[in-house]
Amino acid sequence: MAKVKYPTIPEDVVIDLKISGGFYKDLGALLLSLSKELKQEEYAQCVEKLKTGKPADTLKEANIMLITALVFTMEHAAKEQGLTKEIEVEVPDEPNL
């Protein structure tokens, strides 16, 4: 059997990476799309698992947890670097039922 060498990234390294606001926006849209596939309580369970370090039970859950962690990490780094800005958005009133 032949052997082949290929580059890999060890799990214990930290990679410095520049990310554009456009990429962050697209990643947020992906997260929103993925999270819409879950019930609100299912998404809350994913976030809780992230906080406690518990593993995902399904591939869909793992994908949402990974994208959520990436978005949170990007937001934290942007805030630390003073790159965030506040914007004002309109929030619709709750319907009267």
C-alpha atoms as a PDB file:
ATOM      1  CA  MET A   1       0.000   0.000   0.000  1.00  0.00           C
ATOM      2  CA  ALA A   2       1.357   3.431  -0.922  1.00  0.00           C
ATOM      3  CA  LYS A   3       1.629   6.277   1.550  1.00  0.00           C
ATOM      4  CA  VAL A   4       0.637   9.826   0.748  1.00  0.00           C
ATOM      5  CA  LYS A   5       1.459  12.962   2.729  1.00  0.00           C
ATOM      6  CA  TYR A   6      -0.958  15.873   2.918  1.00  0.00           C
ATOM      7  CA  PRO A   7      -1.124  19.005   5.072  1.00  0.00           C
ATOM      8  CA  THR A   8      -3.424  19.019   8.093  1.00  0.00           C
ATOM      9  CA  ILE A   9      -4.162  21.361  10.978  1.00  0.00           C
ATOM     10  CA  PRO A  10      -3.601  20.014  14.503  1.00  0.00           C
ATOM     11  CA  GLU A  11      -6.555  20.420  16.855  1.00  0.00           C
ATOM     12  CA  ASP A  12      -4.590  22.455  19.396  1.00  0.00           C
ATOM     13  CA  VAL A  13      -3.555  25.318  17.087  1.00  0.00           C
ATOM     14  CA  VAL A  14      -5.316  28.670  16.749  1.00  0.00           C
ATOM     15  CA  ILE A  15      -5.584  30.203  13.290  1.00  0.00           C
ATOM     16  CA  ASP A  16      -5.670  33.983  12.819  1.00  0.00           C
ATOM     17  CA  LEU A  17      -8.078  34.748  10.020  1.00  0.00           C
ATOM     18  CA  LYS A  18      -9.437  37.986   8.560  1.00  0.00           C
ATOM     19  CA  ILE A  19     -13.155  37.837   7.778  1.00  0.00           C
ATOM     20  CA  SER A  20     -15.175  40.424   5.899  1.00  0.00           C
ATOM     21  CA  GLY A  21     -18.475  41.817   7.118  1.00  0.00           C
ATOM     22  CA  GLY A  22     -20.070  40.390   3.984  1.00  0.00           C
ATOM     23  CA  PHE A  23     -18.935  36.875   4.877  1.00  0.00           C
ATOM     24  CA  TYR A  24     -20.249  37.370   8.420  1.00  0.00           C
ATOM     25  CA  LYS A  25     -23.608  38.530   7.001  1.00  0.00           C
ATOM     26  CA  ASP A  26     -23.830  35.496   4.703  1.00  0.00           C
ATOM     27  CA  LEU A  27     -22.930  33.160   7.565  1.00  0.00           C
ATOM     28  CA  GLY A  28     -25.661  34.757   9.683  1.00  0.00           C
ATOM     29  CA  ALA A  29     -28.172  34.168   6.876  1.00  0.00           C
ATOM     30  CA  LEU A  30     -27.072  30.526   6.691  1.00  0.00           C
ATOM     31  CA  LEU A  31     -27.533  30.159  10.449  1.00  0.00           C
ATOM     32  CA  LEU A  32     -30.998  31.717  10.246  1.00  0.00           C
ATOM     33  CA  SER A  33     -31.941  29.342   7.438  1.00  0.00           C
ATOM     34  CA  LEU A  34     -30.670  26.294   9.323  1.00  0.00           C
ATOM     35  CA  SER A  35     -32.302  27.337  12.587  1.00  0.00           C
ATOM     36  CA  LYS A  36     -35.692  27.775  10.873  1.00  0.00           C
ATOM     37  CA  GLU A  37     -35.623  24.019  10.273  1.00  0.00           C
ATOM     38  CA  LEU A  38     -35.838  23.483  14.038  1.00  0.00           C
ATOM     39  CA  LYS A  39     -38.509  24.318  16.564  1.00  0.00           C
ATOM     40  CA  GLN A  40     -37.602  27.165  18.905  1.00  0.00           C
ATOM     41  CA  GLU A  41     -36.994  24.783  21.818  1.00  0.00           C
ATOM     42  CA  GLU A  42     -34.759  22.571  19.645  1.00  0.00           C
ATOM     43  CA  TYR A  43     -32.597  25.572  18.744  1.00  0.00           C
ATOM     44  CA  ALA A  44     -32.460  26.548  22.431  1.00  0.00           C
ATOM     45  CA  GLN A  45     -31.210  23.027  23.200  1.00  0.00           C
ATOM     46  CA  CYS A  46     -28.436  23.456  20.609  1.00  0.00           C
ATOM     47  CA  VAL A  47     -27.326  26.717  22.226  1.00  0.00           C
ATOM     48  CA  GLU A  48     -27.427  25.106  25.678  1.00  0.00           C
ATOM     49  CA  LYS A  49     -25.272  22.239  24.422  1.00  0.00           C
ATOM     50  CA  LEU A  50     -22.782  24.790  23.105  1.00  0.00           C
ATOM     51  CA  LYS A  51     -22.651  26.488  26.504  1.00  0.00           C
ATOM     52  CA  THR A  52     -22.174  23.222  28.399  1.00  0.00           C
ATOM     53  CA  GLY A  53     -19.893  21.478  25.909  1.00  0.00           C
ATOM     54  CA  LYS A  54     -22.311  18.622  25.305  1.00  0.00           C
ATOM     55  CA  PRO A  55     -22.134  16.887  21.904  1.00  0.00           C
ATOM     56  CA  ALA A  56     -24.803  17.127  19.219  1.00  0.00           C
ATOM     57  CA  ASP A  57     -27.211  14.244  18.809  1.00  0.00           C
ATOM     58  CA  THR A  58     -27.790  14.642  15.065  1.00  0.00           C
ATOM     59  CA  LEU A  59     -25.901  15.949  12.038  1.00  0.00           C
ATOM     60  CA  LYS A  60     -28.368  18.845  11.668  1.00  0.00           C
ATOM     61  CA  GLU A  61     -27.824  19.764  15.307  1.00  0.00           C
ATOM     62  CA  ALA A  62     -24.039  19.561  14.841  1.00  0.00           C
ATOM     63  CA  ASN A  63     -24.176  21.870  11.808  1.00  0.00           C
ATOM     64  CA  ILE A  64     -26.245  24.455  13.653  1.00  0.00           C
ATOM     65  CA  MET A  65     -23.972  24.274  16.686  1.00  0.00           C
ATOM     66  CA  LEU A  66     -20.850  24.742  14.555  1.00  0.00           C
ATOM     67  CA  ILE A  67     -22.237  27.710  12.616  1.00  0.00           C
ATOM     68  CA  THR A  68     -23.590  29.285  15.833  1.00  0.00           C
ATOM     69  CA  ALA A  69     -20.200  28.938  17.524  1.00  0.00           C
ATOM     70  CA  LEU A  70     -18.469  30.474  14.507  1.00  0.00           C
ATOM     71  CA  VAL A  71     -20.873  33.441  14.380  1.00  0.00           C
ATOM     72  CA  PHE A  72     -20.552  34.049  18.149  1.00  0.00           C
ATOM     73  CA  THR A  73     -16.758  33.880  17.903  1.00  0.00           C
ATOM     74  CA  MET A  74     -16.739  36.362  15.031  1.00  0.00           C
ATOM     75  CA  GLU A  75     -19.033  38.737  16.931  1.00  0.00           C
ATOM     76  CA  HIS A  76     -16.878  38.528  20.058  1.00  0.00           C
ATOM     77  CA  ALA A  77     -13.677  39.190  18.100  1.00  0.00           C
ATOM     78  CA  ALA A  78     -15.253  42.124  16.244  1.00  0.00           C
ATOM     79  CA  LYS A  79     -16.412  43.643  19.531  1.00  0.00           C
ATOM     80  CA  GLU A  80     -12.969  43.209  21.129  1.00  0.00           C
ATOM     81  CA  GLN A  81     -11.368  44.913  18.119  1.00  0.00           C
ATOM     82  CA  GLY A  82     -13.838  47.811  18.201  1.00  0.00           C
ATOM     83  CA  LEU A  83     -15.268  46.908  14.810  1.00  0.00           C
ATOM     84  CA  THR A  84     -18.952  46.781  15.725  1.00  0.00           C
ATOM     85  CA  LYS A  85     -21.459  49.583  15.339  1.00  0.00           C
ATOM     86  CA  GLU A  86     -24.985  50.010  16.590  1.00  0.00           C
ATOM     87  CA  ILE A  87     -27.802  50.314  14.099  1.00  0.00           C
ATOM     88  CA  GLU A  88     -31.468  51.014  14.631  1.00  0.00           C
ATOM     89  CA  VAL A  89     -34.058  48.647  13.188  1.00  0.00           C
ATOM     90  CA  GLU A  90     -37.836  48.650  13.355  1.00  0.00           C
ATOM     91  CA  VAL A  91     -39.426  45.809  15.270  1.00  0.00           C
ATOM     92  CA  PRO A  92     -43.033  45.064  14.353  1.00  0.00           C
ATOM     93  CA  ASP A  93     -45.649  45.266  17.101  1.00  0.00           C
ATOM     94  CA  GLU A  94     -46.969  41.984  18.412  1.00  0.00           C
ATOM     95  CA  PRO A  95     -50.339  41.127  16.884  1.00  0.00           C
ATOM     96  CA  ASN A  96     -53.379  41.422  19.129  1.00  0.00           C
ATOM     97  CA  LEU A  97     -54.993  38.019  19.394  1.00  0.00           C
END
